[in-house]
Amino acid sequence: MLLSDQIDDIMVERAARKLRILTHPVRMSIIDLLMQSKGLRVSEIYNTLNIIQADASQHLTLLKEYGIIKKDRIDNKNVFLVNEKEYNKVLRLVDEVVKEFDND
């Protein structure tokens, strides 16, 4: 196997992991909620989505680990925001994969 093939395989696996992270219903709701805001605190997220705090924190941690969201400080409050650069990169990758399969 060529090095370029190995690199492509690694990139596809990373992208697949990010897609699995994004496709969970609660995480999709969190991202949608954050896209509509200028940043939300954990309590605002779990209260709006009617989920327990521990679940919200777990989902936020995972999204943050994969770079899909980021944590910032606004008006002395820790808030979560969508990392639009990373999120858009994942969406572009999905679009490329879909186009590739459409061409087959």
C-alpha atoms as a PDB file:
ATOM      1  CA  MET A   1       0.000   0.000   0.000  1.00  0.00           C
ATOM      2  CA  LEU A   2       1.319   3.399  -0.947  1.00  0.00           C
ATOM      3  CA  LEU A   3       1.824   6.086   1.669  1.00  0.00           C
ATOM      4  CA  SER A   4      -0.721   8.311  -0.094  1.00  0.00           C
ATOM      5  CA  ASP A   5      -3.302   5.497   0.160  1.00  0.00           C
ATOM      6  CA  GLN A   6      -2.550   5.116   3.874  1.00  0.00           C
ATOM      7  CA  ILE A   7      -2.958   8.854   4.397  1.00  0.00           C
ATOM      8  CA  ASP A   8      -6.260   8.787   2.482  1.00  0.00           C
ATOM      9  CA  ASP A   9      -7.442   5.872   4.651  1.00  0.00           C
ATOM     10  CA  ILE A  10      -6.516   7.767   7.810  1.00  0.00           C
ATOM     11  CA  MET A  11      -8.340  10.883   6.606  1.00  0.00           C
ATOM     12  CA  VAL A  12     -11.434   8.871   5.694  1.00  0.00           C
ATOM     13  CA  GLU A  13     -11.431   7.204   9.124  1.00  0.00           C
ATOM     14  CA  ARG A  14     -11.129  10.575  10.876  1.00  0.00           C
ATOM     15  CA  ALA A  15     -13.950  11.955   8.773  1.00  0.00           C
ATOM     16  CA  ALA A  16     -16.084   8.890   9.510  1.00  0.00           C
ATOM     17  CA  ARG A  17     -15.551   9.379  13.262  1.00  0.00           C
ATOM     18  CA  LYS A  18     -16.606  13.015  13.003  1.00  0.00           C
ATOM     19  CA  LEU A  19     -19.680  12.020  11.034  1.00  0.00           C
ATOM     20  CA  ARG A  20     -20.615   9.462  13.688  1.00  0.00           C
ATOM     21  CA  ILE A  21     -20.246  12.194  16.299  1.00  0.00           C
ATOM     22  CA  LEU A  22     -22.434  14.568  14.295  1.00  0.00           C
ATOM     23  CA  THR A  23     -25.241  12.124  13.535  1.00  0.00           C
ATOM     24  CA  HIS A  24     -26.333  11.482  17.114  1.00  0.00           C
ATOM     25  CA  PRO A  25     -29.806  13.073  17.544  1.00  0.00           C
ATOM     26  CA  VAL A  26     -28.959  14.982  20.740  1.00  0.00           C
ATOM     27  CA  ARG A  27     -25.689  16.274  19.320  1.00  0.00           C
ATOM     28  CA  MET A  28     -27.495  17.334  16.151  1.00  0.00           C
ATOM     29  CA  SER A  29     -29.969  19.246  18.330  1.00  0.00           C
ATOM     30  CA  ILE A  30     -27.128  20.860  20.276  1.00  0.00           C
ATOM     31  CA  ILE A  31     -25.415  21.982  17.076  1.00  0.00           C
ATOM     32  CA  ASP A  32     -28.682  23.306  15.658  1.00  0.00           C
ATOM     33  CA  LEU A  33     -29.346  25.208  18.876  1.00  0.00           C
ATOM     34  CA  LEU A  34     -25.831  26.666  18.938  1.00  0.00           C
ATOM     35  CA  MET A  35     -26.058  27.670  15.273  1.00  0.00           C
ATOM     36  CA  GLN A  36     -29.091  29.798  16.167  1.00  0.00           C
ATOM     37  CA  SER A  37     -27.337  31.564  19.033  1.00  0.00           C
ATOM     38  CA  LYS A  38     -24.319  33.682  19.789  1.00  0.00           C
ATOM     39  CA  GLY A  39     -23.187  31.189  22.416  1.00  0.00           C
ATOM     40  CA  LEU A  40     -24.994  29.294  25.156  1.00  0.00           C
ATOM     41  CA  ARG A  41     -24.117  28.102  28.634  1.00  0.00           C
ATOM     42  CA  VAL A  42     -24.482  24.434  29.515  1.00  0.00           C
ATOM     43  CA  SER A  43     -27.571  25.161  31.596  1.00  0.00           C
ATOM     44  CA  GLU A  44     -29.240  26.958  28.685  1.00  0.00           C
ATOM     45  CA  ILE A  45     -28.551  23.975  26.452  1.00  0.00           C
ATOM     46  CA  TYR A  46     -29.868  21.266  28.754  1.00  0.00           C
ATOM     47  CA  ASN A  47     -32.895  23.318  29.796  1.00  0.00           C
ATOM     48  CA  THR A  48     -33.821  24.149  26.189  1.00  0.00           C
ATOM     49  CA  LEU A  49     -33.384  20.553  25.009  1.00  0.00           C
ATOM     50  CA  ASN A  50     -34.962  19.111  28.158  1.00  0.00           C
ATOM     51  CA  ILE A  51     -32.082  16.731  28.841  1.00  0.00           C
ATOM     52  CA  ILE A  52     -30.177  16.145  32.047  1.00  0.00           C
ATOM     53  CA  GLN A  53     -27.052  18.174  32.761  1.00  0.00           C
ATOM     54  CA  ALA A  54     -24.711  15.171  32.775  1.00  0.00           C
ATOM     55  CA  ASP A  55     -25.870  14.104  29.301  1.00  0.00           C
ATOM     56  CA  ALA A  56     -25.491  17.623  27.945  1.00  0.00           C
ATOM     57  CA  SER A  57     -21.981  17.881  29.375  1.00  0.00           C
ATOM     58  CA  GLN A  58     -20.996  14.519  27.923  1.00  0.00           C
ATOM     59  CA  HIS A  59     -22.226  15.459  24.439  1.00  0.00           C
ATOM     60  CA  LEU A  60     -20.588  18.884  24.630  1.00  0.00           C
ATOM     61  CA  THR A  61     -17.287  17.341  25.695  1.00  0.00           C
ATOM     62  CA  LEU A  62     -17.331  14.963  22.740  1.00  0.00           C
ATOM     63  CA  LEU A  63     -18.225  17.706  20.263  1.00  0.00           C
ATOM     64  CA  LYS A  64     -15.467  19.877  21.706  1.00  0.00           C
ATOM     65  CA  GLU A  65     -12.889  17.066  21.548  1.00  0.00           C
ATOM     66  CA  TYR A  66     -13.576  16.691  17.832  1.00  0.00           C
ATOM     67  CA  GLY A  67     -13.358  20.438  17.281  1.00  0.00           C
ATOM     68  CA  ILE A  68     -16.957  20.807  16.149  1.00  0.00           C
ATOM     69  CA  ILE A  69     -17.765  23.245  18.934  1.00  0.00           C
ATOM     70  CA  LYS A  70     -15.600  25.512  21.029  1.00  0.00           C
ATOM     71  CA  LYS A  71     -15.848  27.085  24.439  1.00  0.00           C
ATOM     72  CA  ASP A  72     -15.461  30.829  24.852  1.00  0.00           C
ATOM     73  CA  ARG A  73     -15.942  33.430  27.537  1.00  0.00           C
ATOM     74  CA  ILE A  74     -18.529  36.116  26.790  1.00  0.00           C
ATOM     75  CA  ASP A  75     -19.654  38.627  29.407  1.00  0.00           C
ATOM     76  CA  ASN A  76     -17.874  36.625  32.140  1.00  0.00           C
ATOM     77  CA  LYS A  77     -19.786  33.460  31.196  1.00  0.00           C
ATOM     78  CA  ASN A  78     -18.436  30.268  29.679  1.00  0.00           C
ATOM     79  CA  VAL A  79     -20.430  29.596  26.533  1.00  0.00           C
ATOM     80  CA  PHE A  80     -20.319  27.051  23.756  1.00  0.00           C
ATOM     81  CA  LEU A  81     -20.299  28.010  20.085  1.00  0.00           C
ATOM     82  CA  VAL A  82     -20.143  26.058  16.842  1.00  0.00           C
ATOM     83  CA  ASN A  83     -16.646  26.021  15.385  1.00  0.00           C
ATOM     84  CA  GLU A  84     -17.963  26.975  11.975  1.00  0.00           C
ATOM     85  CA  LYS A  85     -14.646  26.417  10.202  1.00  0.00           C
ATOM     86  CA  GLU A  86     -14.451  22.795  11.375  1.00  0.00           C
ATOM     87  CA  TYR A  87     -18.172  22.169  10.973  1.00  0.00           C
ATOM     88  CA  ASN A  88     -18.103  23.484   7.396  1.00  0.00           C
ATOM     89  CA  LYS A  89     -15.051  21.350   6.657  1.00  0.00           C
ATOM     90  CA  VAL A  90     -16.979  18.239   7.688  1.00  0.00           C
ATOM     91  CA  LEU A  91     -19.973  19.290   5.585  1.00  0.00           C
ATOM     92  CA  ARG A  92     -17.725  19.822   2.550  1.00  0.00           C
ATOM     93  CA  LEU A  93     -16.238  16.373   3.048  1.00  0.00           C
ATOM     94  CA  VAL A  94     -19.715  14.834   3.191  1.00  0.00           C
ATOM     95  CA  ASP A  95     -20.605  16.659  -0.006  1.00  0.00           C
ATOM     96  CA  GLU A  96     -17.465  15.338  -1.724  1.00  0.00           C
ATOM     97  CA  VAL A  97     -18.195  11.769  -0.644  1.00  0.00           C
ATOM     98  CA  VAL A  98     -21.794  11.993  -1.836  1.00  0.00           C
ATOM     99  CA  LYS A  99     -20.643  13.361  -5.207  1.00  0.00           C
ATOM    100  CA  GLU A 100     -18.092  10.546  -5.493  1.00  0.00           C
ATOM    101  CA  PHE A 101     -20.765   7.924  -4.940  1.00  0.00           C
ATOM    102  CA  ASP A 102     -23.119   9.684  -7.358  1.00  0.00           C
ATOM    103  CA  ASN A 103     -20.419   9.458 -10.041  1.00  0.00           C
ATOM    104  CA  ASP A 104     -20.063   5.679  -9.672  1.00  0.00           C
END
